[in-house]
């Protein structure tokens, strides 16, 4: 009925097709995730210096005196 093809060949073809579709799905997901990470990285470079300074002060990385000095320097530079 199937000529020289036996049932084993159909099984292998089905498995190969499943692997191909799975590889496509994984590839698309990887491309999407890479694009999202690049977008987040780009957005971090687009931030204003005063925003970064405010964030550092909020997180406690710099004290109030240093915050005031740096803020004054940034505002004067504009």
N, C-alpha and C. Protein backbone atom coordinates (compact mmCIF):
# COMPACT_ATOMS: atom_id res chain seq x y z
N UNK A 1 0.81 -1.18 0.00
CA UNK A 1 0.00 0.00 0.00
C UNK A 1 0.86 1.27 0.00
N UNK A 2 1.94 1.29 0.81
CA UNK A 2 2.81 2.46 0.89
C UNK A 2 4.06 2.31 0.04
N UNK A 3 4.16 1.33 -0.75
CA UNK A 3 5.34 1.11 -1.56
C UNK A 3 6.48 0.63 -0.69
N UNK A 4 7.61 1.24 -0.82
CA UNK A 4 8.78 0.85 -0.03
C UNK A 4 8.81 1.47 1.36
N UNK A 5 7.84 2.32 1.67
CA UNK A 5 7.79 2.98 2.97
C UNK A 5 7.10 2.07 3.98
N UNK A 6 7.76 1.86 5.09
CA UNK A 6 7.09 1.10 6.15
C UNK A 6 6.68 2.08 7.25
N UNK A 7 6.05 1.59 8.28
CA UNK A 7 5.53 2.44 9.35
C UNK A 7 6.66 3.17 10.08
N UNK A 8 7.84 2.58 10.17
CA UNK A 8 8.97 3.20 10.85
C UNK A 8 9.40 4.50 10.20
N UNK A 9 9.33 4.57 8.89
CA UNK A 9 9.72 5.79 8.18
C UNK A 9 8.75 6.93 8.53
N UNK A 10 7.49 6.64 8.64
CA UNK A 10 6.50 7.66 9.00
C UNK A 10 6.73 8.18 10.41
N UNK A 11 7.11 7.27 11.29
CA UNK A 11 7.40 7.68 12.67
C UNK A 11 8.59 8.62 12.69
N UNK A 12 9.66 8.27 11.97
CA UNK A 12 10.85 9.12 11.94
C UNK A 12 10.55 10.47 11.31
N UNK A 13 9.78 10.48 10.24
CA UNK A 13 9.42 11.75 9.61
C UNK A 13 8.60 12.62 10.55
N UNK A 14 7.70 12.00 11.29
CA UNK A 14 6.88 12.75 12.25
C UNK A 14 7.76 13.34 13.36
N UNK A 15 8.69 12.54 13.86
CA UNK A 15 9.59 13.03 14.91
C UNK A 15 10.47 14.17 14.41
N UNK A 16 10.98 14.03 13.18
CA UNK A 16 11.81 15.09 12.63
C UNK A 16 10.99 16.37 12.43
N UNK A 17 9.76 16.24 12.02
CA UNK A 17 8.90 17.40 11.84
C UNK A 17 8.63 18.07 13.19
N UNK A 18 8.38 17.28 14.21
CA UNK A 18 8.18 17.81 15.56
C UNK A 18 9.43 18.54 16.05
N UNK A 19 10.59 17.96 15.83
CA UNK A 19 11.84 18.61 16.23
C UNK A 19 12.05 19.92 15.48
N UNK A 20 11.71 19.95 14.20
CA UNK A 20 11.84 21.15 13.40
C UNK A 20 10.93 22.25 13.93
N UNK A 21 9.69 21.92 14.23
CA UNK A 21 8.74 22.91 14.75
C UNK A 21 9.20 23.40 16.12
N UNK A 22 9.68 22.50 16.96
CA UNK A 22 10.17 22.89 18.28
C UNK A 22 11.37 23.83 18.15
N UNK A 23 12.27 23.54 17.22
CA UNK A 23 13.43 24.42 17.01
C UNK A 23 12.98 25.80 16.53
N UNK A 24 11.98 25.85 15.68
CA UNK A 24 11.46 27.15 15.24
C UNK A 24 10.88 27.94 16.40
N UNK A 25 10.10 27.27 17.24
CA UNK A 25 9.48 27.94 18.39
C UNK A 25 10.56 28.46 19.35
N UNK A 26 11.55 27.64 19.64
CA UNK A 26 12.63 28.05 20.54
C UNK A 26 13.39 29.23 19.92
N UNK A 27 13.63 29.19 18.62
CA UNK A 27 14.32 30.29 17.95
C UNK A 27 13.56 31.59 18.02
N UNK A 28 12.25 31.54 17.79
CA UNK A 28 11.43 32.74 17.85
C UNK A 28 11.41 33.31 19.27
N UNK A 29 11.28 32.44 20.25
CA UNK A 29 11.27 32.90 21.65
C UNK A 29 12.62 33.54 22.00
N UNK A 30 13.72 32.94 21.55
CA UNK A 30 15.04 33.50 21.83
C UNK A 30 15.19 34.88 21.19
N UNK A 31 14.71 35.04 19.97
CA UNK A 31 14.79 36.34 19.30
C UNK A 31 13.96 37.39 20.03
N UNK A 32 12.78 37.01 20.48
CA UNK A 32 11.92 37.95 21.20
C UNK A 32 12.57 38.36 22.51
N UNK A 33 13.10 37.40 23.25
CA UNK A 33 13.72 37.72 24.53
C UNK A 33 14.96 38.59 24.36
N UNK A 34 15.73 38.35 23.32
CA UNK A 34 16.91 39.18 23.05
C UNK A 34 16.48 40.59 22.72
N UNK A 35 15.42 40.74 21.95
CA UNK A 35 14.91 42.07 21.60
C UNK A 35 14.43 42.83 22.83
N UNK A 36 13.80 42.13 23.74
CA UNK A 36 13.31 42.77 24.96
C UNK A 36 14.49 43.23 25.81
N UNK A 37 15.51 42.39 25.94
CA UNK A 37 16.68 42.78 26.73
C UNK A 37 17.39 43.97 26.12
N UNK A 38 17.52 43.97 24.79
CA UNK A 38 18.17 45.10 24.13
C UNK A 38 17.38 46.39 24.34
N UNK A 39 16.06 46.27 24.31
CA UNK A 39 15.21 47.45 24.52
C UNK A 39 15.38 47.99 25.94
N UNK A 40 15.45 47.10 26.91
CA UNK A 40 15.65 47.53 28.29
C UNK A 40 17.02 48.18 28.46
N UNK A 41 18.03 47.62 27.81
CA UNK A 41 19.37 48.17 27.88
C UNK A 41 19.41 49.56 27.24
N UNK A 42 18.72 49.71 26.11
CA UNK A 42 18.67 51.01 25.44
C UNK A 42 17.98 52.04 26.32
N UNK A 43 16.89 51.63 26.98
CA UNK A 43 16.16 52.56 27.85
C UNK A 43 17.01 53.01 29.01
N UNK A 44 17.88 52.14 29.53
CA UNK A 44 18.72 52.54 30.66
C UNK A 44 19.73 53.60 30.24
N UNK A 45 20.13 53.63 28.96
CA UNK A 45 21.04 54.66 28.48
C UNK A 45 20.32 55.96 28.18
N UNK A 46 19.01 55.91 28.03
CA UNK A 46 18.24 57.11 27.71
C UNK A 46 17.85 57.92 28.95
N UNK A 47 18.19 57.44 30.13
CA UNK A 47 17.79 58.13 31.35
C UNK A 47 18.58 59.42 31.51
N UNK A 48 17.95 60.37 32.12
CA UNK A 48 18.57 61.67 32.39
C UNK A 48 19.49 61.56 33.62
N UNK A 49 20.58 62.33 33.65
CA UNK A 49 21.50 62.29 34.80
C UNK A 49 20.81 62.61 36.13
N UNK A 50 19.87 63.56 36.11
CA UNK A 50 19.18 63.88 37.37
C UNK A 50 18.33 62.72 37.85
N UNK A 51 17.74 61.98 36.93
CA UNK A 51 16.96 60.80 37.32
C UNK A 51 17.85 59.75 37.98
N UNK A 52 19.02 59.55 37.40
CA UNK A 52 19.97 58.59 37.97
C UNK A 52 20.42 59.04 39.35
N UNK A 53 20.70 60.33 39.49
CA UNK A 53 21.11 60.88 40.78
C UNK A 53 20.00 60.69 41.82
N UNK A 54 18.76 61.00 41.44
CA UNK A 54 17.63 60.81 42.36
C UNK A 54 17.51 59.35 42.79
N UNK A 55 17.70 58.46 41.85
CA UNK A 55 17.59 57.04 42.14
C UNK A 55 18.69 56.59 43.10
N UNK A 56 19.91 57.06 42.89
CA UNK A 56 21.01 56.70 43.77
C UNK A 56 20.77 57.21 45.19
N UNK A 57 20.23 58.42 45.30
CA UNK A 57 19.93 58.99 46.63
C UNK A 57 18.82 58.18 47.30
N UNK A 58 17.81 57.82 46.52
CA UNK A 58 16.69 57.05 47.05
C UNK A 58 17.15 55.69 47.57
N UNK A 59 18.11 55.07 46.88
CA UNK A 59 18.59 53.74 47.28
C UNK A 59 19.64 53.82 48.38
N UNK A 60 20.02 55.04 48.78
CA UNK A 60 20.98 55.19 49.86
C UNK A 60 22.42 55.04 49.43
N UNK A 61 22.70 55.12 48.14
CA UNK A 61 24.07 54.98 47.66
C UNK A 61 24.90 56.23 47.95
N UNK A 62 24.24 57.38 48.04
CA UNK A 62 24.93 58.64 48.36
C UNK A 62 24.16 59.34 49.47
N UNK A 63 24.88 60.15 50.24
CA UNK A 63 24.21 60.86 51.34
C UNK A 63 23.64 62.19 50.83
N UNK A 64 22.96 62.91 51.73
CA UNK A 64 22.26 64.13 51.35
C UNK A 64 23.22 65.22 50.88
N UNK A 65 24.35 65.35 51.54
CA UNK A 65 25.32 66.38 51.16
C UNK A 65 25.84 66.13 49.74
N UNK A 66 26.24 64.90 49.47
CA UNK A 66 26.74 64.56 48.14
C UNK A 66 25.65 64.74 47.08
N UNK A 67 24.42 64.38 47.45
CA UNK A 67 23.29 64.54 46.53
C UNK A 67 23.11 66.02 46.16
N UNK A 68 23.15 66.90 47.16
CA UNK A 68 22.96 68.33 46.90
C UNK A 68 24.08 68.89 46.02
N UNK A 69 25.32 68.47 46.32
CA UNK A 69 26.46 68.97 45.54
C UNK A 69 26.36 68.53 44.07
N UNK A 70 26.07 67.27 43.88
CA UNK A 70 26.00 66.75 42.51
C UNK A 70 24.81 67.33 41.76
N UNK A 71 23.70 67.48 42.45
CA UNK A 71 22.51 68.06 41.81
C UNK A 71 22.78 69.50 41.38
N UNK A 72 23.43 70.26 42.24
CA UNK A 72 23.77 71.64 41.92
C UNK A 72 24.71 71.69 40.70
N UNK A 73 25.69 70.79 40.69
CA UNK A 73 26.63 70.75 39.56
C UNK A 73 25.91 70.40 38.25
N UNK A 74 24.97 69.48 38.31
CA UNK A 74 24.25 69.09 37.10
C UNK A 74 23.32 70.20 36.62
N UNK A 75 22.66 70.87 37.55
CA UNK A 75 21.74 71.94 37.17
C UNK A 75 22.50 73.12 36.60
N UNK A 76 23.66 73.45 37.18
CA UNK A 76 24.47 74.56 36.68
C UNK A 76 25.01 74.27 35.28
N UNK A 77 25.26 73.02 35.02
CA UNK A 77 25.84 72.62 33.73
C UNK A 77 24.84 72.77 32.59
N UNK A 78 23.58 72.75 32.90
CA UNK A 78 22.54 72.88 31.86
C UNK A 78 22.44 74.24 31.39
